Amino acid sequence: MNGQKLAVGTVVGGITCFVAGFLIYGLALNSFMTANMMPGLMKDPPDWAHLIIGNLAGGALLTVVIGYWAKAGGVAAGFKIGAQLGLLMMLSFDFMLFATSNAMTSFHAMLVDVAAGTILNGAAGAAVGAVLGRRS
């Protein structure tokens, strides 16, 4: 994988993370997550610069894993790798967060967050796989 593909995958993956995150967390799950989180936890409005940097870092992670480590490409392979990576990252993060903080007030909400993060990373992985192209 060359630098141009890394840059394009990072930007496309980051944009997909941003848009999917807004659709999943900002619209579909907003009321549910708010009801199941510690009051006052979320910033309103969010810190946009850091949110953009975080999404680009997620896009870069998916691009490196899909294109460099797995040497894969294509929508289906990208979705599969992104969803698997997302599932493991979300399980790790959410279980540790649930064990050590009061950020989420219910185990059920934690599981919903894991599912949402898995879908989000699968979608971003599919977008990254699409721009990296199909590999044999």
N, C-alpha and C. Protein backbone atom coordinates (compact mmCIF):
# COMPACT_ATOMS: atom_id res chain seq x y z
N MET A 1 0.85 -1.16 0.00
CA MET A 1 0.00 0.00 0.00
C MET A 1 0.90 1.23 0.00
N ASN A 2 0.57 2.18 -0.86
CA ASN A 2 1.38 3.39 -0.93
C ASN A 2 0.78 4.52 -0.09
N GLY A 3 1.51 5.62 0.01
CA GLY A 3 1.09 6.75 0.82
C GLY A 3 -0.20 7.38 0.36
N GLN A 4 -0.42 7.39 -0.95
CA GLN A 4 -1.65 7.98 -1.48
C GLN A 4 -2.87 7.16 -1.04
N LYS A 5 -2.77 5.83 -1.11
CA LYS A 5 -3.89 4.99 -0.68
C LYS A 5 -4.11 5.12 0.83
N LEU A 6 -3.03 5.25 1.59
CA LEU A 6 -3.16 5.45 3.03
C LEU A 6 -3.90 6.76 3.31
N ALA A 7 -3.53 7.83 2.62
CA ALA A 7 -4.18 9.13 2.83
C ALA A 7 -5.65 9.09 2.42
N VAL A 8 -5.93 8.53 1.26
CA VAL A 8 -7.32 8.47 0.79
C VAL A 8 -8.16 7.58 1.70
N GLY A 9 -7.63 6.42 2.08
CA GLY A 9 -8.35 5.52 2.98
C GLY A 9 -8.61 6.18 4.33
N THR A 10 -7.62 6.91 4.83
CA THR A 10 -7.77 7.60 6.11
C THR A 10 -8.89 8.63 6.04
N VAL A 11 -8.90 9.44 4.98
CA VAL A 11 -9.93 10.48 4.85
C VAL A 11 -11.31 9.86 4.63
N VAL A 12 -11.41 8.89 3.74
CA VAL A 12 -12.70 8.25 3.47
C VAL A 12 -13.20 7.51 4.72
N GLY A 13 -12.30 6.78 5.38
CA GLY A 13 -12.69 6.09 6.61
C GLY A 13 -13.09 7.07 7.71
N GLY A 14 -12.36 8.17 7.83
CA GLY A 14 -12.69 9.18 8.84
C GLY A 14 -14.03 9.84 8.58
N ILE A 15 -14.28 10.17 7.32
CA ILE A 15 -15.58 10.78 6.96
C ILE A 15 -16.71 9.79 7.22
N THR A 16 -16.50 8.54 6.87
CA THR A 16 -17.53 7.52 7.11
C THR A 16 -17.78 7.33 8.60
N CYS A 17 -16.71 7.31 9.40
CA CYS A 17 -16.87 7.22 10.86
C CYS A 17 -17.68 8.40 11.38
N PHE A 18 -17.39 9.58 10.89
CA PHE A 18 -18.07 10.80 11.32
C PHE A 18 -19.56 10.75 10.97
N VAL A 19 -19.86 10.44 9.72
CA VAL A 19 -21.25 10.40 9.26
C VAL A 19 -22.01 9.26 9.93
N ALA A 20 -21.42 8.07 9.95
CA ALA A 20 -22.09 6.92 10.58
C ALA A 20 -22.27 7.17 12.08
N GLY A 21 -21.28 7.80 12.72
CA GLY A 21 -21.40 8.12 14.13
C GLY A 21 -22.55 9.08 14.39
N PHE A 22 -22.70 10.08 13.52
CA PHE A 22 -23.82 11.01 13.66
C PHE A 22 -25.15 10.30 13.47
N LEU A 23 -25.24 9.46 12.44
CA LEU A 23 -26.49 8.76 12.17
C LEU A 23 -26.85 7.79 13.30
N ILE A 24 -25.85 7.04 13.77
CA ILE A 24 -26.10 6.02 14.79
C ILE A 24 -26.28 6.65 16.17
N TYR A 25 -25.27 7.42 16.61
CA TYR A 25 -25.29 7.96 17.96
C TYR A 25 -26.04 9.30 18.06
N GLY A 26 -25.90 10.14 17.05
CA GLY A 26 -26.52 11.46 17.10
C GLY A 26 -28.00 11.45 16.81
N LEU A 27 -28.46 10.51 16.00
CA LEU A 27 -29.87 10.46 15.66
C LEU A 27 -30.56 9.22 16.23
N ALA A 28 -30.15 8.03 15.78
CA ALA A 28 -30.88 6.81 16.12
C ALA A 28 -30.83 6.48 17.61
N LEU A 29 -29.68 6.63 18.25
CA LEU A 29 -29.53 6.21 19.64
C LEU A 29 -29.42 7.36 20.64
N ASN A 30 -29.61 8.57 20.20
CA ASN A 30 -29.38 9.72 21.06
C ASN A 30 -30.20 9.65 22.35
N SER A 31 -31.49 9.48 22.25
CA SER A 31 -32.35 9.44 23.44
C SER A 31 -32.02 8.26 24.32
N PHE A 32 -31.80 7.10 23.70
CA PHE A 32 -31.50 5.89 24.47
C PHE A 32 -30.19 6.03 25.23
N MET A 33 -29.15 6.48 24.54
CA MET A 33 -27.85 6.60 25.20
C MET A 33 -27.88 7.69 26.29
N THR A 34 -28.56 8.79 26.01
CA THR A 34 -28.67 9.85 27.01
C THR A 34 -29.37 9.34 28.27
N ALA A 35 -30.40 8.52 28.09
CA ALA A 35 -31.14 7.99 29.23
C ALA A 35 -30.33 6.96 30.02
N ASN A 36 -29.30 6.40 29.41
CA ASN A 36 -28.52 5.34 30.05
C ASN A 36 -27.08 5.74 30.33
N MET A 37 -26.84 7.05 30.40
CA MET A 37 -25.51 7.55 30.72
C MET A 37 -25.59 8.49 31.91
N MET A 38 -24.46 8.65 32.55
CA MET A 38 -24.37 9.59 33.66
C MET A 38 -24.77 10.98 33.17
N PRO A 39 -25.64 11.68 33.88
CA PRO A 39 -26.04 13.04 33.46
C PRO A 39 -24.83 13.97 33.35
N GLY A 40 -24.85 14.80 32.32
CA GLY A 40 -23.80 15.79 32.12
C GLY A 40 -22.52 15.24 31.51
N LEU A 41 -22.54 13.98 31.10
CA LEU A 41 -21.32 13.36 30.58
C LEU A 41 -20.93 13.91 29.20
N MET A 42 -21.92 14.15 28.36
CA MET A 42 -21.64 14.57 26.98
C MET A 42 -21.49 16.09 26.89
N LYS A 43 -20.55 16.53 26.05
CA LYS A 43 -20.38 17.95 25.78
C LYS A 43 -21.42 18.38 24.75
N ASP A 44 -21.97 19.58 24.93
CA ASP A 44 -22.91 20.12 23.97
C ASP A 44 -22.61 21.60 23.78
N PRO A 45 -22.02 21.97 22.66
CA PRO A 45 -21.68 21.15 21.50
C PRO A 45 -20.37 20.40 21.71
N PRO A 46 -20.12 19.40 20.86
CA PRO A 46 -18.86 18.67 20.98
C PRO A 46 -17.67 19.54 20.55
N ASP A 47 -16.50 19.11 20.92
CA ASP A 47 -15.25 19.76 20.52
C ASP A 47 -14.93 19.25 19.12
N TRP A 48 -15.33 20.01 18.10
CA TRP A 48 -15.28 19.55 16.72
C TRP A 48 -13.87 19.18 16.25
N ALA A 49 -12.89 19.96 16.60
CA ALA A 49 -11.52 19.68 16.13
C ALA A 49 -11.05 18.31 16.62
N HIS A 50 -11.27 18.04 17.89
CA HIS A 50 -10.83 16.75 18.43
C HIS A 50 -11.69 15.59 17.92
N LEU A 51 -12.95 15.85 17.67
CA LEU A 51 -13.83 14.83 17.09
C LEU A 51 -13.36 14.46 15.69
N ILE A 52 -12.99 15.45 14.90
CA ILE A 52 -12.49 15.19 13.54
C ILE A 52 -11.17 14.42 13.59
N ILE A 53 -10.27 14.82 14.46
CA ILE A 53 -8.98 14.12 14.60
C ILE A 53 -9.21 12.67 15.01
N GLY A 54 -10.12 12.44 15.96
CA GLY A 54 -10.42 11.08 16.39
C GLY A 54 -11.00 10.22 15.28
N ASN A 55 -11.88 10.80 14.47
CA ASN A 55 -12.44 10.05 13.35
C ASN A 55 -11.39 9.75 12.29
N LEU A 56 -10.50 10.69 12.04
CA LEU A 56 -9.41 10.44 11.09
C LEU A 56 -8.47 9.36 11.61
N ALA A 57 -8.22 9.34 12.91
CA ALA A 57 -7.38 8.29 13.49
C ALA A 57 -8.05 6.93 13.32
N GLY A 58 -9.37 6.87 13.51
CA GLY A 58 -10.10 5.63 13.27
C GLY A 58 -10.02 5.20 11.81
N GLY A 59 -10.13 6.15 10.90
CA GLY A 59 -10.00 5.84 9.48
C GLY A 59 -8.60 5.33 9.14
N ALA A 60 -7.58 5.94 9.75
CA ALA A 60 -6.20 5.49 9.53
C ALA A 60 -6.00 4.08 10.07
N LEU A 61 -6.53 3.81 11.27
CA LEU A 61 -6.41 2.47 11.84
C LEU A 61 -7.02 1.42 10.91
N LEU A 62 -8.23 1.67 10.43
CA LEU A 62 -8.88 0.72 9.53
C LEU A 62 -8.10 0.58 8.23
N THR A 63 -7.57 1.67 7.72
CA THR A 63 -6.81 1.61 6.47
C THR A 63 -5.54 0.78 6.63
N VAL A 64 -4.83 0.97 7.74
CA VAL A 64 -3.60 0.20 7.98
C VAL A 64 -3.94 -1.28 8.15
N VAL A 65 -4.96 -1.59 8.94
CA VAL A 65 -5.31 -2.99 9.18
C VAL A 65 -5.80 -3.66 7.90
N ILE A 66 -6.68 -3.01 7.16
CA ILE A 66 -7.24 -3.62 5.95
C ILE A 66 -6.21 -3.68 4.83
N GLY A 67 -5.56 -2.55 4.57
CA GLY A 67 -4.68 -2.47 3.41
C GLY A 67 -3.28 -2.98 3.61
N TYR A 68 -2.73 -2.77 4.82
CA TYR A 68 -1.33 -3.12 5.04
C TYR A 68 -1.19 -4.47 5.72
N TRP A 69 -1.88 -4.68 6.82
CA TRP A 69 -1.73 -5.93 7.57
C TRP A 69 -2.49 -7.07 6.91
N ALA A 70 -3.76 -6.87 6.59
CA ALA A 70 -4.56 -7.95 5.98
C ALA A 70 -4.33 -8.04 4.48
N LYS A 71 -3.79 -6.98 3.90
CA LYS A 71 -3.58 -6.91 2.45
C LYS A 71 -4.87 -7.26 1.71
N ALA A 72 -5.97 -6.67 2.19
CA ALA A 72 -7.29 -6.93 1.64
C ALA A 72 -7.81 -5.68 0.96
N GLY A 73 -8.91 -5.83 0.31
CA GLY A 73 -9.59 -4.71 -0.33
C GLY A 73 -10.96 -5.16 -0.77
N GLY A 74 -11.76 -4.22 -1.20
CA GLY A 74 -13.13 -4.51 -1.61
C GLY A 74 -14.09 -4.25 -0.45
N VAL A 75 -15.33 -3.99 -0.80
CA VAL A 75 -16.34 -3.63 0.19
C VAL A 75 -16.58 -4.75 1.20
N ALA A 76 -16.76 -5.98 0.71
CA ALA A 76 -17.09 -7.09 1.61
C ALA A 76 -15.95 -7.39 2.58
N ALA A 77 -14.73 -7.45 2.08
CA ALA A 77 -13.59 -7.72 2.96
C ALA A 77 -13.40 -6.57 3.94
N GLY A 78 -13.56 -5.33 3.48
CA GLY A 78 -13.43 -4.18 4.36
C GLY A 78 -14.47 -4.19 5.46
N PHE A 79 -15.72 -4.53 5.11
CA PHE A 79 -16.77 -4.60 6.12
C PHE A 79 -16.46 -5.68 7.15
N LYS A 80 -16.06 -6.84 6.68
CA LYS A 80 -15.77 -7.96 7.60
C LYS A 80 -14.65 -7.61 8.57
N ILE A 81 -13.57 -7.08 8.06
CA ILE A 81 -12.43 -6.73 8.91
C ILE A 81 -12.80 -5.56 9.84
N GLY A 82 -13.48 -4.55 9.30
CA GLY A 82 -13.88 -3.41 10.12
C GLY A 82 -14.82 -3.81 11.24
N ALA A 83 -15.78 -4.68 10.94
CA ALA A 83 -16.73 -5.12 11.97
C ALA A 83 -16.04 -5.96 13.03
N GLN A 84 -15.14 -6.85 12.61
CA GLN A 84 -14.42 -7.67 13.59
C GLN A 84 -13.55 -6.80 14.49
N LEU A 85 -12.83 -5.88 13.89
CA LEU A 85 -11.98 -4.98 14.66
C LEU A 85 -12.84 -4.10 15.58
N GLY A 86 -13.94 -3.58 15.05
CA GLY A 86 -14.83 -2.76 15.85
C GLY A 86 -15.42 -3.52 17.03
N LEU A 87 -15.83 -4.76 16.79
CA LEU A 87 -16.39 -5.57 17.87
C LEU A 87 -15.38 -5.75 19.00
N LEU A 88 -14.17 -6.12 18.65
CA LEU A 88 -13.15 -6.35 19.68
C LEU A 88 -12.77 -5.06 20.40
N MET A 89 -12.63 -3.96 19.66
CA MET A 89 -12.30 -2.68 20.30
C MET A 89 -13.42 -2.23 21.23
N MET A 90 -14.66 -2.34 20.77
CA MET A 90 -15.80 -1.90 21.59
C MET A 90 -15.97 -2.78 22.82
N LEU A 91 -15.81 -4.10 22.66
CA LEU A 91 -15.89 -4.98 23.83
C LEU A 91 -14.84 -4.61 24.86
N SER A 92 -13.61 -4.41 24.40
CA SER A 92 -12.53 -4.05 25.30
C SER A 92 -12.81 -2.73 26.00
N PHE A 93 -13.10 -1.71 25.24
CA PHE A 93 -13.31 -0.37 25.80
C PHE A 93 -14.54 -0.34 26.71
N ASP A 94 -15.67 -0.84 26.22
CA ASP A 94 -16.91 -0.72 26.99
C ASP A 94 -16.91 -1.56 28.26
N PHE A 95 -16.37 -2.77 28.21
CA PHE A 95 -16.32 -3.57 29.43
C PHE A 95 -15.42 -2.92 30.48
N MET A 96 -14.28 -2.37 30.05
CA MET A 96 -13.41 -1.69 31.02
C MET A 96 -14.04 -0.42 31.55
N LEU A 97 -14.71 0.34 30.66
CA LEU A 97 -15.40 1.55 31.09
C LEU A 97 -16.52 1.21 32.07
N PHE A 98 -17.30 0.18 31.77
CA PHE A 98 -18.40 -0.24 32.64
C PHE A 98 -17.88 -0.71 33.99
N ALA A 99 -16.73 -1.36 33.98
CA ALA A 99 -16.15 -1.89 35.23
C ALA A 99 -15.55 -0.82 36.12
N THR A 100 -15.12 0.28 35.51
CA THR A 100 -14.34 1.26 36.29
C THR A 100 -14.99 2.63 36.44
N SER A 101 -16.16 2.83 35.83
CA SER A 101 -16.78 4.15 35.90
C SER A 101 -18.30 4.04 35.99
N ASN A 102 -18.91 5.17 36.17
CA ASN A 102 -20.38 5.25 36.17
C ASN A 102 -20.89 5.92 34.90
N ALA A 103 -20.09 5.91 33.84
CA ALA A 103 -20.47 6.59 32.61
C ALA A 103 -21.74 6.00 32.02
N MET A 104 -21.84 4.69 31.97
CA MET A 104 -23.05 4.02 31.49
C MET A 104 -23.75 3.42 32.69
N THR A 105 -25.05 3.63 32.74
CA THR A 105 -25.80 3.22 33.93
C THR A 105 -26.45 1.85 33.80
N SER A 106 -26.33 1.21 32.63
CA SER A 106 -26.92 -0.12 32.50
C SER A 106 -26.06 -1.01 31.61
N PHE A 107 -26.04 -2.28 31.94
CA PHE A 107 -25.31 -3.27 31.14
C PHE A 107 -25.91 -3.36 29.74
N HIS A 108 -27.22 -3.24 29.65
CA HIS A 108 -27.89 -3.29 28.36
C HIS A 108 -27.41 -2.17 27.43
N ALA A 109 -27.25 -0.98 27.98
CA ALA A 109 -26.76 0.14 27.18
C ALA A 109 -25.34 -0.12 26.69
N MET A 110 -24.53 -0.77 27.51
CA MET A 110 -23.18 -1.11 27.10
C MET A 110 -23.22 -2.06 25.90
N LEU A 111 -24.09 -3.04 25.95
CA LEU A 111 -24.20 -3.99 24.83
C LEU A 111 -24.71 -3.30 23.57
N VAL A 112 -25.62 -2.35 23.72
CA VAL A 112 -26.10 -1.58 22.56
C VAL A 112 -24.94 -0.77 21.98
N ASP A 113 -24.11 -0.20 22.83
CA ASP A 113 -22.96 0.56 22.35
C ASP A 113 -21.98 -0.34 21.61
N VAL A 114 -21.76 -1.55 22.09
CA VAL A 114 -20.89 -2.50 21.40
C VAL A 114 -21.45 -2.81 20.01
N ALA A 115 -22.75 -3.08 19.93
CA ALA A 115 -23.37 -3.37 18.63
C ALA A 115 -23.27 -2.17 17.69
N ALA A 116 -23.54 -0.97 18.21
CA ALA A 116 -23.47 0.23 17.38
C ALA A 116 -22.06 0.49 16.88
N GLY A 117 -21.07 0.33 17.75
CA GLY A 117 -19.68 0.53 17.35
C GLY A 117 -19.21 -0.51 16.33
N THR A 118 -19.73 -1.71 16.45
CA THR A 118 -19.40 -2.77 15.49
C THR A 118 -19.94 -2.41 14.11
N ILE A 119 -21.18 -1.96 14.06
CA ILE A 119 -21.79 -1.55 12.79
C ILE A 119 -21.07 -0.35 12.20
N LEU A 120 -20.77 0.63 13.05
CA LEU A 120 -20.06 1.83 12.59
C LEU A 120 -18.71 1.46 11.96
N ASN A 121 -17.94 0.63 12.65
CA ASN A 121 -16.63 0.24 12.12
C ASN A 121 -16.75 -0.66 10.90
N GLY A 122 -17.79 -1.46 10.83
CA GLY A 122 -18.03 -2.24 9.63
C GLY A 122 -18.29 -1.35 8.43
N ALA A 123 -19.11 -0.33 8.62
CA ALA A 123 -19.41 0.61 7.54
C ALA A 123 -18.15 1.35 7.10
N ALA A 124 -17.37 1.82 8.06
CA ALA A 124 -16.13 2.53 7.72
C ALA A 124 -15.14 1.59 7.04
N GLY A 125 -15.08 0.34 7.51
CA GLY A 125 -14.21 -0.65 6.87
C GLY A 125 -14.63 -0.92 5.44
N ALA A 126 -15.94 -0.97 5.19
CA ALA A 126 -16.43 -1.18 3.82
C ALA A 126 -16.02 -0.01 2.92
N ALA A 127 -16.12 1.21 3.44
CA ALA A 127 -15.71 2.39 2.66
C ALA A 127 -14.22 2.37 2.37
N VAL A 128 -13.43 2.01 3.37
CA VAL A 128 -11.97 1.91 3.19
C VAL A 128 -11.65 0.82 2.18
N GLY A 129 -12.29 -0.34 2.34
CA GLY A 129 -12.07 -1.44 1.39
C GLY A 129 -12.42 -1.04 -0.04
N ALA A 130 -13.48 -0.26 -0.18
CA ALA A 130 -13.89 0.18 -1.51
C ALA A 130 -12.83 1.07 -2.17
N VAL A 131 -12.25 2.00 -1.41
CA VAL A 131 -11.24 2.88 -2.00
C VAL A 131 -9.89 2.18 -2.19
N LEU A 132 -9.62 1.16 -1.38
CA LEU A 132 -8.37 0.42 -1.57
C LEU A 132 -8.44 -0.49 -2.78
N GLY A 133 -9.64 -0.89 -3.15
CA GLY A 133 -9.84 -1.75 -4.32
C GLY A 133 -9.75 -3.21 -3.98
N ARG A 134 -10.31 -3.99 -4.85
CA ARG A 134 -10.35 -5.45 -4.66
C ARG A 134 -8.96 -6.03 -4.83
N ARG A 135 -8.61 -6.97 -3.99
CA ARG A 135 -7.30 -7.65 -4.07
C ARG A 135 -7.53 -9.14 -4.27
N SER A 136 -6.61 -9.78 -4.95
CA SER A 136 -6.74 -11.22 -5.16
C SER A 136 -6.02 -12.00 -4.09
